[in-house]
Every structure is written in C-alpha cells, then in structure tokens.
Amino acid sequence: MRPPALPHLYSGKVRELYEVGHDRLLMVATDRISVFDVVLPDEIPDKGRVLTGLSAFWFGRTADVVPNHLISCDPTDFPETAGDVDGRAMLVRATRPVRMECVVRGYLFGAAWNEYAERGTVGGFRVPAGLRRAERLPEPLFTPSTKAESGHDLPLTKDEAIALVGEERYERLRDLSIRLYGIGAAHAHDCGIILADTKFEFGELDGELLVIDEMMTPDSSRYWPADAYEVGTSPPSFDKQYVRDFMDATGWDHEPPAPRLPPEAIENTRARYREAYERITGESLDDWFAPDRT
C-alpha cells in the first residue's frame, strides 16, 4: 500500500489517520491485527478492506438512528495525494472523540463470562444464576470500558462511566448503543449469524453525537455462525476469536512481543473476515473498491 502524502496525525493498532482539512480526516484501515491489545507481527490480507466495507454498510444502514462521521469511501472523492488506499479508506468528518468504549453484550462470553463465573455479574450488573458460557443474556447489557491510548482498555462500572462522561451523556450513549446493537443483531440473524457483542465509538460535532471509527466489524464484534452455535462452548467465529484462541494455545502471556502467525492461521483468518463481509452485506468483497479499480 502506498501511504497518503498527507499530514499524518495518528497511528492506532489498526488505523492510520491523516489530515485532509481543518474539518476532514482520511482514516485508513491497514491489514494489521491486534489481540489482547497487542499488534501481531503478521498482517491479514484483505482485512482493512473488510473493516472499511462493513463499517460503510452499517453506517448507511443506521444513519436514520444516529448520524456518523462518514463522508465517502469512494477514492474519487479523496485528495489526489491520498495514495493507494482504495477500499480501505474513509473520508470522514473530524469530531471530538468521547473517551469511552461503548460495549454491548448480548451473550455471555469472553471477559463477561470470566466476570460472571467469578462474581455472578456482567459489567457490575447482577444477572440470573445458572447461565452457561456463550448463553444468550436475558437482555443486552451496556458494559463500557476506558479508551486507552496504549495498553489494555479497562472495564467501567456504571458509576465509573457516569463519573467519566456525565449521567445524561452516559444514558444517551447507553440507549444509542443498545439500539444499534439490536439493529445489527436482527440483520445478522437474517444472515444466519449471531452478533454476540460489539463495541461502538462516538464523537461530538456541533453538540451532536456521531458514531465514529468502525462499526460492527469482525474487529469490534463477535460474530458466530448460527448453525454451529452451541451453549457451553467457544463457538466458531468470523472474528478475532480464532486468532485469540490460536495465540492462547501457544502459551503466550499477552504481552509484547507476540508470536508469529503461521501461513495457515493467516489464511484461515482472512477467509473468516471475507465471509463475514459477504454474508452480512450480500456482496462479494472483490466488488468493494478493489485496488485495481479505475
């Protein structure tokens, strides 16, 4: 990928951010992959295009619920100095980010399962006893976390989250996040997929909240094939869980540097990301602003 010849503002775990003007940014999704908040040394081909294409799909599908920062994914709308970023870049409005990750959980898995097994709660909320791993929760729960510049994001209780963003904004973020999760879960269900949990990020522009960054992608969500889902197990997934499980099997302690991924693991992850895009959007990834598109 030939990087943009634009002022570089920020490097995230996956994305690069460039300045286009005083109120516009170019957000480029690389093929980097991170697990346990550590960037792995190997990239996943097509991953950046999947993240961008799926985010654009969900931004369009939910724009009547809450506005978002997307202006265009069409390379012809980018500056001439944008570089070779077809299919993996979004021209977006600049916002003031809300410094909180807005996580919604519909199923008992991952950190939520660990907390439940230890304390009988999820995000500090009491839930019924006797639930099993990967079981559907009685209702989706809003379990926000910190947005760390580096290292690990940390879970927030309701009181901690309110102290961070204020009660009125907390309630607005909670309600929007749960509503967006419901839209995503319903569409995924129609595609034969379970959206187990997801994470949203918001920004403020002219006093209004916008969804920013990415939206219901395999990086920010857990997607399970409905026909292979079974309570009490670790269901196969279309997201990073495959890589998490692989890395855990190596005995890695979740601290950098991370082990290398073998070619088979890279290709399996690539296939999962592509399938997630194609099943959810109903389109081939090959048709999403392919790099050789003119």
Protein backbone atom coordinates (compact mmCIF):
# COMPACT_ATOMS: atom_id res chain seq x y z
CA MET A 1 0.00 0.00 0.00
CA ARG A 2 1.37 3.43 -0.97
CA PRO A 3 0.62 5.69 2.03
CA PRO A 4 -1.06 9.07 1.61
CA ALA A 5 1.11 12.15 1.17
CA LEU A 6 -0.96 13.98 3.75
CA PRO A 7 -0.17 15.24 7.27
CA HIS A 8 -0.09 12.14 9.47
CA LEU A 9 -1.94 12.63 12.74
CA TYR A 10 -2.12 9.27 14.47
CA SER A 11 -1.25 5.57 14.30
CA GLY A 12 -3.62 3.20 16.06
CA LYS A 13 -3.45 -0.56 16.44
CA VAL A 14 -5.08 -0.95 13.03
CA ARG A 15 -5.78 2.50 11.57
CA GLU A 16 -3.74 5.42 10.31
CA LEU A 17 -5.25 8.90 10.48
CA TYR A 18 -4.40 11.75 8.12
CA GLU A 19 -5.48 15.37 7.96
CA VAL A 20 -7.35 16.45 4.83
CA GLY A 21 -8.52 19.84 6.06
CA HIS A 22 -9.49 21.58 9.27
CA ASP A 23 -12.71 19.55 9.46
CA ARG A 24 -11.95 16.39 7.48
CA LEU A 25 -9.79 13.34 8.01
CA LEU A 26 -8.73 10.34 5.96
CA MET A 27 -8.97 7.16 8.02
CA VAL A 28 -7.05 4.23 6.55
CA ALA A 29 -7.58 0.67 7.80
CA THR A 30 -4.43 -1.41 7.47
CA ASP A 31 -4.21 -5.20 7.44
CA ARG A 32 -2.68 -5.21 10.92
CA ILE A 33 -4.39 -7.34 13.54
CA SER A 34 -4.26 -6.96 17.32
CA VAL A 35 -5.36 -9.34 20.04
CA PHE A 36 -5.32 -8.66 23.77
CA ASP A 37 -4.41 -5.07 22.78
CA VAL A 38 -1.13 -6.17 21.21
CA VAL A 39 -0.44 -5.74 17.48
CA LEU A 40 0.77 -9.01 15.94
CA PRO A 41 3.84 -9.10 13.67
CA ASP A 42 1.86 -10.61 10.77
CA GLU A 43 -0.87 -8.97 8.70
CA ILE A 44 -4.14 -10.45 7.39
CA PRO A 45 -4.65 -9.76 3.67
CA ASP A 46 -7.99 -8.05 2.81
CA LYS A 47 -8.64 -7.21 6.45
CA GLY A 48 -8.52 -3.44 6.02
CA ARG A 49 -10.97 -3.61 3.12
CA VAL A 50 -13.34 -5.79 5.16
CA LEU A 51 -13.30 -3.35 8.09
CA THR A 52 -13.92 -0.37 5.82
CA GLY A 53 -16.60 -2.03 3.70
CA LEU A 54 -18.54 -3.40 6.67
CA SER A 55 -18.33 -0.09 8.53
CA ALA A 56 -19.71 1.71 5.48
CA PHE A 57 -22.52 -0.85 5.24
CA TRP A 58 -23.55 -0.36 8.86
CA PHE A 59 -23.13 3.42 8.76
CA GLY A 60 -25.55 3.52 5.86
CA ARG A 61 -27.99 1.12 7.48
CA THR A 62 -28.17 3.05 10.77
CA ALA A 63 -27.89 6.67 9.62
CA ASP A 64 -31.58 7.27 10.42
CA VAL A 65 -30.96 6.21 14.05
CA VAL A 66 -27.79 8.18 14.76
CA PRO A 67 -25.55 10.21 12.43
CA ASN A 68 -21.99 9.08 11.73
CA HIS A 69 -18.74 10.63 10.59
CA LEU A 70 -18.58 9.02 7.12
CA ILE A 71 -18.43 11.33 4.11
CA SER A 72 -17.28 8.89 1.41
CA CYS A 73 -15.39 5.67 0.72
CA ASP A 74 -15.12 6.42 -3.00
CA PRO A 75 -11.46 7.05 -3.92
CA THR A 76 -12.56 9.64 -6.48
CA ASP A 77 -13.68 11.81 -3.56
CA PHE A 78 -10.27 11.64 -1.89
CA PRO A 79 -7.47 14.18 -2.37
CA GLU A 80 -5.04 13.38 -5.18
CA THR A 81 -2.38 12.90 -2.51
CA ALA A 82 -4.40 10.12 -0.81
CA GLY A 83 -2.11 7.37 -2.08
CA ASP A 84 -3.03 3.79 -2.92
CA VAL A 85 -5.79 3.24 -0.35
CA ASP A 86 -8.72 2.09 -2.49
CA GLY A 87 -11.23 0.09 -0.48
CA ARG A 88 -9.52 0.62 2.87
CA ALA A 89 -10.02 4.34 3.48
CA MET A 90 -12.86 6.59 4.59
CA LEU A 91 -13.10 10.34 4.21
CA VAL A 92 -14.72 11.40 7.49
CA ARG A 93 -15.76 14.43 9.47
CA ALA A 94 -13.47 15.40 12.32
CA THR A 95 -15.11 15.09 15.74
CA ARG A 96 -14.15 15.32 19.40
CA PRO A 97 -14.00 11.66 20.48
CA VAL A 98 -15.84 10.51 23.58
CA ARG A 99 -13.18 8.86 25.72
CA MET A 100 -15.18 5.74 26.44
CA GLU A 101 -15.69 2.47 24.57
CA CYS A 102 -19.39 1.67 24.31
CA VAL A 103 -19.65 -2.13 24.59
CA VAL A 104 -22.94 -4.02 24.28
CA ARG A 105 -23.13 -7.71 25.18
CA GLY A 106 -25.96 -9.98 24.13
CA TYR A 107 -24.27 -13.24 25.08
CA LEU A 108 -22.17 -14.46 27.98
CA PHE A 109 -18.66 -14.78 26.58
CA GLY A 110 -15.11 -13.51 26.88
CA ALA A 111 -14.49 -11.08 29.73
CA ALA A 112 -18.20 -11.14 30.56
CA TRP A 113 -18.08 -14.90 31.12
CA ASN A 114 -14.97 -14.58 33.28
CA GLU A 115 -16.62 -11.96 35.47
CA TYR A 116 -19.84 -13.95 35.70
CA ALA A 117 -18.03 -17.15 36.68
CA GLU A 118 -16.16 -15.27 39.42
CA ARG A 119 -18.81 -12.89 40.77
CA GLY A 120 -22.17 -13.65 39.17
CA THR A 121 -22.25 -10.26 37.45
CA VAL A 122 -21.66 -8.81 33.97
CA GLY A 123 -20.30 -5.28 33.89
CA GLY A 124 -21.28 -4.98 37.54
CA PHE A 125 -24.90 -5.88 36.76
CA ARG A 126 -26.44 -8.86 38.52
CA VAL A 127 -27.71 -11.48 36.05
CA PRO A 128 -29.55 -14.78 36.66
CA ALA A 129 -27.60 -17.65 38.18
CA GLY A 130 -27.00 -20.88 36.30
CA LEU A 131 -26.15 -19.41 32.90
CA ARG A 132 -23.57 -21.20 30.79
CA ARG A 133 -20.73 -19.96 28.63
CA ALA A 134 -21.94 -18.42 25.34
CA GLU A 135 -25.55 -18.39 26.56
CA ARG A 136 -27.80 -15.55 25.48
CA LEU A 137 -28.34 -12.95 28.19
CA PRO A 138 -31.92 -12.10 29.23
CA GLU A 139 -31.37 -8.68 27.63
CA PRO A 140 -28.40 -6.88 26.04
CA LEU A 141 -26.17 -5.16 28.60
CA PHE A 142 -24.19 -1.94 28.20
CA THR A 143 -20.74 -2.59 29.66
CA PRO A 144 -18.45 0.33 28.72
CA SER A 145 -14.69 0.45 29.11
CA THR A 146 -11.92 3.00 29.08
CA LYS A 147 -10.40 4.03 25.76
CA ALA A 148 -6.69 3.59 26.37
CA GLU A 149 -4.12 5.32 24.16
CA SER A 150 -1.91 2.26 24.67
CA GLY A 151 -2.14 -1.00 26.58
CA HIS A 152 -5.36 -2.56 27.76
CA ASP A 153 -8.82 -1.00 27.92
CA LEU A 154 -10.30 -1.39 31.40
CA PRO A 155 -13.94 -2.17 32.23
CA LEU A 156 -16.03 0.56 33.85
CA THR A 157 -18.90 0.14 36.28
CA LYS A 158 -21.98 2.24 35.67
CA ASP A 159 -20.92 4.69 38.38
CA GLU A 160 -17.40 4.95 36.96
CA ALA A 161 -18.74 5.56 33.47
CA ILE A 162 -21.09 8.27 34.71
CA ALA A 163 -18.19 9.92 36.54
CA LEU A 164 -16.22 9.87 33.28
CA VAL A 165 -18.81 11.27 30.84
CA GLY A 166 -21.68 12.56 32.99
CA GLU A 167 -25.05 10.94 33.69
CA GLU A 168 -27.01 12.47 30.80
CA ARG A 169 -24.38 11.54 28.23
CA TYR A 170 -23.98 8.07 29.74
CA GLU A 171 -27.69 7.39 29.34
CA ARG A 172 -27.68 8.69 25.77
CA LEU A 173 -24.66 6.57 24.82
CA ARG A 174 -26.20 3.52 26.51
CA ASP A 175 -29.53 3.90 24.74
CA LEU A 176 -27.97 4.52 21.33
CA SER A 177 -25.53 1.62 21.70
CA ILE A 178 -28.21 -0.87 22.70
CA ARG A 179 -30.46 0.27 19.87
CA LEU A 180 -27.66 -0.05 17.32
CA TYR A 181 -26.77 -3.50 18.65
CA GLY A 182 -30.39 -4.54 18.21
CA ILE A 183 -30.37 -3.46 14.57
CA GLY A 184 -27.12 -5.30 13.94
CA ALA A 185 -28.21 -8.45 15.75
CA ALA A 186 -31.51 -8.60 13.84
CA HIS A 187 -29.83 -8.24 10.44
CA ALA A 188 -27.09 -10.71 11.35
CA HIS A 189 -29.79 -13.20 12.41
CA ASP A 190 -31.36 -12.92 8.97
CA CYS A 191 -27.94 -13.79 7.52
CA GLY A 192 -27.58 -16.89 9.70
CA ILE A 193 -25.14 -15.16 12.04
CA ILE A 194 -25.22 -14.32 15.76
CA LEU A 195 -23.86 -10.94 16.83
CA ALA A 196 -22.74 -11.88 20.32
CA ASP A 197 -21.31 -8.50 21.33
CA THR A 198 -19.94 -5.35 19.78
CA LYS A 199 -18.22 -2.06 20.57
CA PHE A 200 -19.12 1.43 19.37
CA GLU A 201 -17.17 4.65 19.49
CA PHE A 202 -18.76 8.09 19.45
CA GLY A 203 -17.59 11.62 18.78
CA GLU A 204 -19.14 15.03 19.23
CA LEU A 205 -19.62 17.59 16.46
CA ASP A 206 -21.52 20.84 16.99
CA GLY A 207 -23.12 19.43 20.13
CA GLU A 208 -24.33 16.24 18.41
CA LEU A 209 -23.16 12.66 18.99
CA LEU A 210 -21.91 10.78 15.93
CA VAL A 211 -20.78 7.17 15.55
CA ILE A 212 -17.12 7.18 14.52
CA ASP A 213 -14.18 4.89 13.77
CA GLU A 214 -15.62 1.47 12.79
CA MET A 215 -19.00 -0.16 13.21
CA MET A 216 -19.91 -3.81 13.87
CA THR A 217 -16.84 -5.23 12.14
CA PRO A 218 -15.10 -8.52 12.98
CA ASP A 219 -12.50 -6.44 14.85
CA SER A 220 -15.02 -4.73 17.11
CA SER A 221 -17.56 -7.57 17.42
CA ARG A 222 -18.03 -11.28 18.00
CA TYR A 223 -19.85 -12.98 15.13
CA TRP A 224 -20.84 -16.66 15.35
CA PRO A 225 -22.39 -18.85 12.63
CA ALA A 226 -25.87 -19.69 13.92
CA ASP A 227 -25.77 -23.25 12.59
CA ALA A 228 -22.62 -24.05 14.63
CA TYR A 229 -23.63 -22.23 17.81
CA GLU A 230 -23.89 -24.31 20.96
CA VAL A 231 -24.31 -23.11 24.53
CA GLY A 232 -21.47 -24.10 26.84
CA THR A 233 -18.80 -23.98 24.14
CA SER A 234 -16.50 -21.50 22.43
CA PRO A 235 -18.41 -21.22 19.15
CA PRO A 236 -16.50 -20.92 15.87
CA SER A 237 -16.39 -17.32 14.82
CA PHE A 238 -15.96 -14.86 11.97
CA ASP A 239 -13.93 -12.51 14.12
CA LYS A 240 -10.64 -12.32 16.03
CA GLN A 241 -11.60 -15.10 18.43
CA TYR A 242 -9.90 -17.63 16.14
CA VAL A 243 -6.63 -15.71 16.48
CA ARG A 244 -7.13 -15.23 20.24
CA ASP A 245 -7.62 -18.97 20.68
CA PHE A 246 -4.62 -19.76 18.49
CA MET A 247 -2.40 -17.37 20.44
CA ASP A 248 -3.58 -18.71 23.78
CA ALA A 249 -2.71 -22.23 22.63
CA THR A 250 0.92 -21.12 22.21
CA GLY A 251 1.16 -20.22 25.90
CA TRP A 252 1.75 -16.54 25.12
CA ASP A 253 1.34 -14.24 28.15
CA HIS A 254 -0.48 -11.47 26.20
CA GLU A 255 2.47 -9.10 26.50
CA PRO A 256 4.57 -7.89 23.54
CA PRO A 257 6.25 -9.18 21.53
CA ALA A 258 3.61 -11.58 20.20
CA PRO A 259 4.42 -14.88 18.46
CA ARG A 260 4.28 -15.13 14.67
CA LEU A 261 1.19 -16.48 12.94
CA PRO A 262 1.82 -19.44 10.59
CA PRO A 263 0.54 -19.13 6.99
CA GLU A 264 -2.41 -21.44 7.67
CA ALA A 265 -3.64 -19.28 10.54
CA ILE A 266 -3.29 -16.15 8.40
CA GLU A 267 -5.29 -17.67 5.54
CA ASN A 268 -7.97 -19.06 7.87
CA THR A 269 -8.40 -15.64 9.47
CA ARG A 270 -8.56 -13.97 6.07
CA ALA A 271 -11.30 -16.37 4.97
CA ARG A 272 -13.34 -15.70 8.11
CA TYR A 273 -13.17 -11.93 7.65
CA ARG A 274 -14.15 -12.19 3.99
CA GLU A 275 -17.06 -14.49 4.78
CA ALA A 276 -18.33 -12.12 7.46
CA TYR A 277 -18.35 -9.25 4.95
CA GLU A 278 -20.01 -11.24 2.20
CA ARG A 279 -22.71 -12.85 4.33
CA ILE A 280 -23.66 -9.62 6.07
CA THR A 281 -23.61 -7.32 3.03
CA GLY A 282 -24.74 -9.87 0.44
CA GLU A 283 -21.93 -8.65 -1.84
CA SER A 284 -18.57 -10.03 -2.91
CA LEU A 285 -15.57 -8.35 -1.31
CA ASP A 286 -13.97 -8.39 -4.75
CA ASP A 287 -16.53 -5.76 -5.80
CA TRP A 288 -15.72 -3.40 -2.91
CA PHE A 289 -13.44 -0.72 -4.41
CA ALA A 290 -10.84 -3.24 -5.48
CA PRO A 291 -7.28 -1.83 -5.54
CA ASP A 292 -7.12 -2.04 -9.35
CA ARG A 293 -10.45 -0.23 -9.74
CA THR A 294 -10.26 2.74 -12.12
